């Protein structure tokens, strides 16, 4: 059960990283993405923060694997 919980959380955090990474790429590389966001720098910063938080959680989960 322990391993299943750790794996599920890891997948959740990996999905958060993938989702936000994709959105940052869209915002940086597509004028369509930018048109919907008047505060593009703030939007990108928020998504990078979400990536950093999820990656930190993944690192913490690694300490529970043995």
C-alpha atoms as a PDB file:
ATOM      1  CA  UNK A   1       0.000   0.000   0.000  1.00  0.00           C
ATOM      2  CA  UNK A   2       2.848   2.366   0.861  1.00  0.00           C
ATOM      3  CA  UNK A   3       4.428   1.944  -2.569  1.00  0.00           C
ATOM      4  CA  UNK A   4       1.094   2.524  -4.327  1.00  0.00           C
ATOM      5  CA  UNK A   5       0.573   5.817  -2.491  1.00  0.00           C
ATOM      6  CA  UNK A   6       4.093   7.016  -3.265  1.00  0.00           C
ATOM      7  CA  UNK A   7       3.729   6.041  -6.929  1.00  0.00           C
ATOM      8  CA  UNK A   8       0.353   7.782  -7.235  1.00  0.00           C
ATOM      9  CA  UNK A   9       1.706  10.989  -5.724  1.00  0.00           C
ATOM     10  CA  UNK A  10       4.767  10.870  -7.938  1.00  0.00           C
ATOM     11  CA  UNK A  11       2.575  10.524 -11.037  1.00  0.00           C
ATOM     12  CA  UNK A  12       0.412  13.434  -9.873  1.00  0.00           C
ATOM     13  CA  UNK A  13       3.453  15.682  -9.452  1.00  0.00           C
ATOM     14  CA  UNK A  14       4.950  14.559 -12.771  1.00  0.00           C
ATOM     15  CA  UNK A  15       1.664  15.435 -14.488  1.00  0.00           C
ATOM     16  CA  UNK A  16       1.737  18.878 -12.871  1.00  0.00           C
ATOM     17  CA  UNK A  17       5.261  19.422 -14.182  1.00  0.00           C
ATOM     18  CA  UNK A  18       4.309  18.276 -17.692  1.00  0.00           C
ATOM     19  CA  UNK A  19       1.144  20.386 -17.789  1.00  0.00           C
ATOM     20  CA  UNK A  20       2.808  23.579 -16.632  1.00  0.00           C
ATOM     21  CA  UNK A  21       5.883  23.037 -18.793  1.00  0.00           C
ATOM     22  CA  UNK A  22       3.628  22.721 -21.838  1.00  0.00           C
ATOM     23  CA  UNK A  23       1.717  25.860 -20.896  1.00  0.00           C
ATOM     24  CA  UNK A  24       4.938  27.837 -20.448  1.00  0.00           C
ATOM     25  CA  UNK A  25       6.071  26.708 -23.899  1.00  0.00           C
ATOM     26  CA  UNK A  26       2.757  27.786 -25.408  1.00  0.00           C
ATOM     27  CA  UNK A  27       2.912  31.177 -23.709  1.00  0.00           C
ATOM     28  CA  UNK A  28       6.502  31.753 -24.806  1.00  0.00           C
ATOM     29  CA  UNK A  29       6.209  30.445 -28.353  1.00  0.00           C
ATOM     30  CA  UNK A  30       2.680  31.208 -29.509  1.00  0.00           C
ATOM     31  CA  UNK A  31       1.064  34.559 -30.079  1.00  0.00           C
ATOM     32  CA  UNK A  32      -2.296  32.820 -29.615  1.00  0.00           C
ATOM     33  CA  UNK A  33      -1.384  31.936 -26.022  1.00  0.00           C
ATOM     34  CA  UNK A  34      -0.184  35.449 -25.299  1.00  0.00           C
ATOM     35  CA  UNK A  35      -3.340  37.108 -26.600  1.00  0.00           C
ATOM     36  CA  UNK A  36      -5.369  35.702 -23.726  1.00  0.00           C
ATOM     37  CA  UNK A  37      -3.000  36.903 -21.005  1.00  0.00           C
ATOM     38  CA  UNK A  38      -2.320  40.576 -20.438  1.00  0.00           C
ATOM     39  CA  UNK A  39       0.214  39.848 -17.694  1.00  0.00           C
ATOM     40  CA  UNK A  40       2.318  37.271 -19.494  1.00  0.00           C
ATOM     41  CA  UNK A  41       5.344  37.593 -17.204  1.00  0.00           C
ATOM     42  CA  UNK A  42       3.239  36.971 -14.110  1.00  0.00           C
ATOM     43  CA  UNK A  43       1.521  34.034 -15.782  1.00  0.00           C
ATOM     44  CA  UNK A  44       4.823  32.392 -16.776  1.00  0.00           C
ATOM     45  CA  UNK A  45       6.230  33.028 -13.301  1.00  0.00           C
ATOM     46  CA  UNK A  46       3.236  31.320 -11.670  1.00  0.00           C
ATOM     47  CA  UNK A  47       3.607  28.284 -13.897  1.00  0.00           C
ATOM     48  CA  UNK A  48       7.340  28.040 -13.177  1.00  0.00           C
ATOM     49  CA  UNK A  49       6.543  28.212  -9.465  1.00  0.00           C
ATOM     50  CA  UNK A  50       4.127  25.280  -9.883  1.00  0.00           C
ATOM     51  CA  UNK A  51       6.834  23.309 -11.707  1.00  0.00           C
ATOM     52  CA  UNK A  52       9.385  24.019  -8.973  1.00  0.00           C
ATOM     53  CA  UNK A  53       6.962  23.014  -6.214  1.00  0.00           C
ATOM     54  CA  UNK A  54       6.031  19.756  -7.945  1.00  0.00           C
ATOM     55  CA  UNK A  55       9.690  18.892  -8.620  1.00  0.00           C
ATOM     56  CA  UNK A  56      10.535  19.546  -4.971  1.00  0.00           C
ATOM     57  CA  UNK A  57       7.716  17.226  -3.915  1.00  0.00           C
ATOM     58  CA  UNK A  58       9.082  14.532  -6.236  1.00  0.00           C
ATOM     59  CA  UNK A  59      12.502  14.937  -4.606  1.00  0.00           C
ATOM     60  CA  UNK A  60      10.976  14.592  -1.151  1.00  0.00           C
ATOM     61  CA  UNK A  61       9.102  11.445  -2.208  1.00  0.00           C
ATOM     62  CA  UNK A  62      12.418   9.924  -3.300  1.00  0.00           C
ATOM     63  CA  UNK A  63      13.519   9.980   0.349  1.00  0.00           C
ATOM     64  CA  UNK A  64      10.629   7.617   1.209  1.00  0.00           C
ATOM     65  CA  UNK A  65      11.613   5.040  -1.404  1.00  0.00           C
ATOM     66  CA  UNK A  66      13.828   2.249  -0.140  1.00  0.00           C
END
